[in-house]
């Protein structure tokens, strides 16, 4: 974000303020912490300067709160892969959390 802000002194810090405001608003709406993390990540990607133009990302997320049984790394990767497939199927720039079917 710093590179984007450095291009224009009039809007310096704007990207960070937008992300901070978005996260504060989401927190007030009682959005779960794991979703706050994905909001921050997507905002960071959206504001990242790229010679190819605007960047987007689809993400598959597995959230483990510690209450579940121990999950192997291979199982975590498979679960995240399922969620990513759902995100990509839903369209561009999407986030899907793995849900047990």
Protein backbone atom coordinates (compact mmCIF):
# COMPACT_ATOMS: atom_id res chain seq x y z
CA UNK A 1 0.00 0.00 0.00
CA UNK A 2 2.91 2.34 0.65
CA UNK A 3 3.83 2.38 -3.05
CA UNK A 4 0.28 3.34 -4.01
CA UNK A 5 0.18 6.13 -1.42
CA UNK A 6 3.59 7.45 -2.52
CA UNK A 7 2.33 8.13 -6.05
CA UNK A 8 0.08 10.98 -4.91
CA UNK A 9 0.87 13.11 -1.86
CA UNK A 10 -2.74 14.37 -1.68
CA UNK A 11 -4.03 10.85 -1.01
CA UNK A 12 -1.10 9.63 1.06
CA UNK A 13 -2.31 7.19 3.69
CA UNK A 14 -5.74 6.84 2.08
CA UNK A 15 -5.41 3.10 1.44
CA UNK A 16 -4.47 2.37 5.04
CA UNK A 17 -7.34 4.55 6.30
CA UNK A 18 -9.86 2.78 4.06
CA UNK A 19 -8.69 -0.64 5.26
CA UNK A 20 -8.71 0.50 8.91
CA UNK A 21 -12.20 2.00 8.55
CA UNK A 22 -13.51 -1.15 6.84
CA UNK A 23 -12.12 -3.37 9.60
CA UNK A 24 -13.51 -1.10 12.34
CA UNK A 25 -16.94 -1.13 10.69
CA UNK A 26 -16.85 -4.92 10.27
CA UNK A 27 -15.89 -5.28 13.93
CA UNK A 28 -18.87 -3.14 14.98
CA UNK A 29 -21.10 -5.44 12.91
CA UNK A 30 -19.81 -8.40 14.96
CA UNK A 31 -18.22 -10.07 11.96
CA UNK A 32 -16.16 -13.05 13.20
CA UNK A 33 -12.38 -12.66 13.51
CA UNK A 34 -11.65 -15.18 10.74
CA UNK A 35 -13.73 -13.10 8.32
CA UNK A 36 -12.00 -9.88 9.46
CA UNK A 37 -8.72 -11.48 8.43
CA UNK A 38 -10.04 -12.22 4.95
CA UNK A 39 -11.42 -8.67 4.63
CA UNK A 40 -7.97 -7.29 5.51
CA UNK A 41 -6.27 -9.65 3.04
CA UNK A 42 -8.61 -8.79 0.16
CA UNK A 43 -8.30 -5.06 0.84
CA UNK A 44 -4.51 -5.36 0.87
CA UNK A 45 -4.59 -7.17 -2.48
CA UNK A 46 -7.06 -4.65 -3.96
CA UNK A 47 -4.82 -1.70 -3.06
CA UNK A 48 -1.56 -3.35 -4.17
CA UNK A 49 -0.14 -1.64 -7.27
CA UNK A 50 0.52 -3.94 -10.20
CA UNK A 51 1.77 -3.36 -13.75
CA UNK A 52 -0.96 -5.77 -14.89
CA UNK A 53 -3.72 -3.60 -13.40
CA UNK A 54 -6.07 -4.42 -10.56
CA UNK A 55 -5.33 -7.64 -8.70
CA UNK A 56 -8.05 -9.90 -7.36
CA UNK A 57 -7.92 -13.17 -5.47
CA UNK A 58 -10.29 -16.01 -4.76
CA UNK A 59 -9.58 -17.74 -1.46
CA UNK A 60 -10.54 -21.02 0.15
CA UNK A 61 -10.30 -20.80 3.94
CA UNK A 62 -10.33 -23.43 6.65
CA UNK A 63 -10.86 -22.03 10.14
CA UNK A 64 -9.74 -24.14 13.08
CA UNK A 65 -10.75 -22.85 16.49
CA UNK A 66 -8.90 -25.50 18.48
CA UNK A 67 -12.10 -27.23 19.58
CA UNK A 68 -11.92 -29.76 16.77
CA UNK A 69 -9.89 -32.91 16.73
CA UNK A 70 -6.37 -32.66 15.38
CA UNK A 71 -6.43 -32.41 11.59
CA UNK A 72 -3.54 -33.60 9.46
CA UNK A 73 -1.82 -31.14 7.11
CA UNK A 74 -3.02 -33.18 4.11
CA UNK A 75 -6.62 -32.94 5.34
CA UNK A 76 -6.31 -29.18 5.86
CA UNK A 77 -4.99 -28.74 2.32
CA UNK A 78 -7.83 -30.88 0.90
CA UNK A 79 -10.42 -28.86 2.85
CA UNK A 80 -8.94 -25.55 1.72
CA UNK A 81 -8.84 -26.84 -1.86
CA UNK A 82 -12.56 -27.69 -1.69
CA UNK A 83 -13.34 -24.20 -0.39
CA UNK A 84 -11.16 -22.62 -3.09
CA UNK A 85 -13.00 -24.58 -5.79
CA UNK A 86 -16.30 -23.25 -4.41
CA UNK A 87 -14.90 -19.71 -4.38
CA UNK A 88 -13.74 -19.95 -8.00
CA UNK A 89 -17.07 -21.49 -9.03
CA UNK A 90 -18.92 -18.57 -7.38
CA UNK A 91 -17.03 -16.03 -9.49
CA UNK A 92 -14.06 -13.73 -9.39
CA UNK A 93 -12.65 -12.23 -6.19
CA UNK A 94 -14.56 -14.49 -3.78
CA UNK A 95 -13.83 -16.02 -0.39
CA UNK A 96 -15.37 -19.28 0.76
CA UNK A 97 -14.97 -20.93 4.12
CA UNK A 98 -14.83 -24.71 4.21
CA UNK A 99 -17.98 -26.23 5.58
CA UNK A 100 -18.43 -29.86 6.44
CA UNK A 101 -21.05 -31.43 4.20
